[in-house]
């Protein structure tokens, strides 16, 4: 088991996209919920990253789906920040 962080999420954390301190409460809550979903998908990915599954190709495919979904949720957070910046100028 690798316990890796999906690259899109790790990059987003490094970019500060999940820093909520300066955001309006509703936006911060939405981003927090996305992050919790991402972490749950990460946990599912890690559980599927086990070499002894009887159907290893299925487990690998599902782990890939988790990574893809993490990427989509990270993009949703990026889009939220872009919309917020466009309306506030920050």
C-alpha atoms as a PDB file:
ATOM      1  CA  UNK A   1       0.000   0.000   0.000  1.00  0.00           C
ATOM      2  CA  UNK A   2       1.429   3.303  -1.034  1.00  0.00           C
ATOM      3  CA  UNK A   3      -0.467   5.842   1.048  1.00  0.00           C
ATOM      4  CA  UNK A   4       0.352   8.418  -1.603  1.00  0.00           C
ATOM      5  CA  UNK A   5      -1.561  11.654  -1.973  1.00  0.00           C
ATOM      6  CA  UNK A   6      -3.088  12.037  -5.400  1.00  0.00           C
ATOM      7  CA  UNK A   7      -0.973  14.494  -7.371  1.00  0.00           C
ATOM      8  CA  UNK A   8      -3.754  16.991  -8.092  1.00  0.00           C
ATOM      9  CA  UNK A   9      -4.657  17.177  -4.411  1.00  0.00           C
ATOM     10  CA  UNK A  10      -1.042  17.470  -3.251  1.00  0.00           C
ATOM     11  CA  UNK A  11      -0.474  20.285  -5.761  1.00  0.00           C
ATOM     12  CA  UNK A  12      -3.662  22.061  -4.680  1.00  0.00           C
ATOM     13  CA  UNK A  13      -2.643  21.867  -1.022  1.00  0.00           C
ATOM     14  CA  UNK A  14       0.781  23.261  -1.933  1.00  0.00           C
ATOM     15  CA  UNK A  15      -0.973  26.086  -3.823  1.00  0.00           C
ATOM     16  CA  UNK A  16      -3.040  26.917  -0.722  1.00  0.00           C
ATOM     17  CA  UNK A  17      -6.391  26.075  -2.306  1.00  0.00           C
ATOM     18  CA  UNK A  18      -7.623  24.428   0.877  1.00  0.00           C
ATOM     19  CA  UNK A  19      -6.632  27.300   3.154  1.00  0.00           C
ATOM     20  CA  UNK A  20      -9.965  28.606   4.402  1.00  0.00           C
ATOM     21  CA  UNK A  21      -8.969  31.439   6.741  1.00  0.00           C
ATOM     22  CA  UNK A  22      -9.665  34.340   4.374  1.00  0.00           C
ATOM     23  CA  UNK A  23     -12.749  32.959   2.642  1.00  0.00           C
ATOM     24  CA  UNK A  24     -16.401  33.786   3.337  1.00  0.00           C
ATOM     25  CA  UNK A  25     -17.987  31.161   5.613  1.00  0.00           C
ATOM     26  CA  UNK A  26     -20.218  29.550   2.982  1.00  0.00           C
ATOM     27  CA  UNK A  27     -17.386  29.225   0.456  1.00  0.00           C
ATOM     28  CA  UNK A  28     -15.061  27.899   3.162  1.00  0.00           C
ATOM     29  CA  UNK A  29     -17.673  25.317   4.143  1.00  0.00           C
ATOM     30  CA  UNK A  30     -18.106  24.190   0.538  1.00  0.00           C
ATOM     31  CA  UNK A  31     -14.358  23.817   0.034  1.00  0.00           C
ATOM     32  CA  UNK A  32     -14.064  21.959   3.345  1.00  0.00           C
ATOM     33  CA  UNK A  33     -16.714  19.492   2.165  1.00  0.00           C
ATOM     34  CA  UNK A  34     -14.869  18.965  -1.114  1.00  0.00           C
ATOM     35  CA  UNK A  35     -11.677  18.319   0.833  1.00  0.00           C
ATOM     36  CA  UNK A  36     -13.407  15.779   3.068  1.00  0.00           C
ATOM     37  CA  UNK A  37     -14.719  14.000  -0.041  1.00  0.00           C
ATOM     38  CA  UNK A  38     -11.217  14.022  -1.531  1.00  0.00           C
ATOM     39  CA  UNK A  39      -9.765  12.510   1.635  1.00  0.00           C
ATOM     40  CA  UNK A  40     -12.459   9.808   1.610  1.00  0.00           C
ATOM     41  CA  UNK A  41     -11.624   8.982  -2.007  1.00  0.00           C
ATOM     42  CA  UNK A  42      -7.959   8.884  -1.033  1.00  0.00           C
ATOM     43  CA  UNK A  43      -8.790   6.390   1.724  1.00  0.00           C
ATOM     44  CA  UNK A  44     -10.725   4.262  -0.781  1.00  0.00           C
ATOM     45  CA  UNK A  45      -7.776   4.390  -3.189  1.00  0.00           C
ATOM     46  CA  UNK A  46      -5.398   3.310  -0.435  1.00  0.00           C
ATOM     47  CA  UNK A  47      -7.684   0.411   0.559  1.00  0.00           C
ATOM     48  CA  UNK A  48      -7.780  -0.753  -3.059  1.00  0.00           C
ATOM     49  CA  UNK A  49      -3.990  -0.582  -3.361  1.00  0.00           C
ATOM     50  CA  UNK A  50      -3.495  -4.071  -1.973  1.00  0.00           C
ATOM     51  CA  UNK A  51      -1.690  -6.716  -4.039  1.00  0.00           C
ATOM     52  CA  UNK A  52      -3.712  -9.714  -2.835  1.00  0.00           C
ATOM     53  CA  UNK A  53      -7.141  -8.913  -4.276  1.00  0.00           C
ATOM     54  CA  UNK A  54      -8.530 -11.901  -6.167  1.00  0.00           C
ATOM     55  CA  UNK A  55      -9.595  -9.529  -8.948  1.00  0.00           C
ATOM     56  CA  UNK A  56      -6.552  -7.250  -9.005  1.00  0.00           C
ATOM     57  CA  UNK A  57      -7.504  -5.591 -12.321  1.00  0.00           C
ATOM     58  CA  UNK A  58     -10.865  -4.545 -10.862  1.00  0.00           C
ATOM     59  CA  UNK A  59      -9.207  -3.118  -7.750  1.00  0.00           C
ATOM     60  CA  UNK A  60      -6.681  -1.248  -9.893  1.00  0.00           C
ATOM     61  CA  UNK A  61      -9.459   0.145 -12.096  1.00  0.00           C
ATOM     62  CA  UNK A  62     -11.438   1.326  -9.069  1.00  0.00           C
ATOM     63  CA  UNK A  63      -8.310   2.936  -7.587  1.00  0.00           C
ATOM     64  CA  UNK A  64      -7.863   4.790 -10.878  1.00  0.00           C
ATOM     65  CA  UNK A  65     -11.475   5.974 -10.681  1.00  0.00           C
ATOM     66  CA  UNK A  66     -10.732   7.341  -7.203  1.00  0.00           C
ATOM     67  CA  UNK A  67      -7.730   9.259  -8.552  1.00  0.00           C
ATOM     68  CA  UNK A  68      -9.792  10.611 -11.456  1.00  0.00           C
ATOM     69  CA  UNK A  69     -12.551  11.749  -9.116  1.00  0.00           C
ATOM     70  CA  UNK A  70     -10.034  13.429  -6.831  1.00  0.00           C
ATOM     71  CA  UNK A  71      -8.779  15.371  -9.842  1.00  0.00           C
ATOM     72  CA  UNK A  72     -12.314  16.447 -10.726  1.00  0.00           C
ATOM     73  CA  UNK A  73     -13.009  17.651  -7.182  1.00  0.00           C
ATOM     74  CA  UNK A  74      -9.722  19.559  -7.073  1.00  0.00           C
ATOM     75  CA  UNK A  75     -10.720  21.248 -10.327  1.00  0.00           C
ATOM     76  CA  UNK A  76     -14.077  22.167  -8.784  1.00  0.00           C
ATOM     77  CA  UNK A  77     -12.213  23.875  -5.924  1.00  0.00           C
ATOM     78  CA  UNK A  78      -9.968  25.691  -8.403  1.00  0.00           C
ATOM     79  CA  UNK A  79     -13.092  26.860 -10.247  1.00  0.00           C
ATOM     80  CA  UNK A  80     -14.659  28.096  -6.999  1.00  0.00           C
ATOM     81  CA  UNK A  81     -11.543  30.128  -6.241  1.00  0.00           C
ATOM     82  CA  UNK A  82     -11.523  31.546  -9.774  1.00  0.00           C
ATOM     83  CA  UNK A  83     -15.180  32.632  -9.508  1.00  0.00           C
ATOM     84  CA  UNK A  84     -14.559  34.145  -6.077  1.00  0.00           C
ATOM     85  CA  UNK A  85     -11.533  36.031  -7.399  1.00  0.00           C
ATOM     86  CA  UNK A  86     -13.487  37.270 -10.412  1.00  0.00           C
ATOM     87  CA  UNK A  87     -16.272  38.680  -8.238  1.00  0.00           C
ATOM     88  CA  UNK A  88     -14.096  40.146  -5.481  1.00  0.00           C
ATOM     89  CA  UNK A  89     -10.898  41.034  -7.308  1.00  0.00           C
ATOM     90  CA  UNK A  90      -8.809  38.905  -4.909  1.00  0.00           C
END
